[in-house]
Amino acid sequence: MRRLRNLVIYAVLALLLVGVLLYGTLINPLYPPLRDALLHVGARHLSQLLHGSIEIASLRGSLLGTLTLQQVVLRDVQGTVLGQIEAIRLSYNPLALFRQRLEVHSLEIVQPRFTVLQEPDGLLNLSKLWKAESPPPPESPTAGGLPFDVHLAMLRIRDGALRLNLP
């Protein structure tokens, strides 16, 4: 029985070693280009939801649970910077996505800086940023919502600033 236990332990250690070697030689070199491609696709998709654009300088961390978006810039249609965020740190459970849930352990927004201006027409600049959605048809009560549940355990905003330019 003891010999079987030792054999199982050695087999598990050998599998872990093979996994680490495969990761180091095959997966890790592919990871940064994959992460960069995901960053560009995500920023482009988010920009399509706005009357303006969003720029993300870099994406760090692991797609398997901890991500950091660095130097996020939000611009209006004219290119004017409306807001900047030094970093957005996200810790989540990727396995929950298979259950159609986004389980976020923590979301930390570091040094957000936004400027709110009242335009000549009386509207705020940030209110013009979001594209208006048409209401869902009556027979489709879930249309327009997210295709999964979102659970947020902790939200932290650190060292932020909001500048109001109102007449």
Foldseek 3Di string as FASTA:
>chain_A
DVVVVVVVVVVVVVVVVVVVVCCVPPVVVVPQVVQVVVQVVVQVVVQVQWQWGKDFPHWDDDPQFKIKTAWIFTAHNVRDTFKIFGIWIWGWHVVCVVVQETETAEIETEAIEGEWEQDPVRDIPVVRTGDDDDDDDPVDPCPPHRSGHYHHNYYYYYNYYYHYHYD
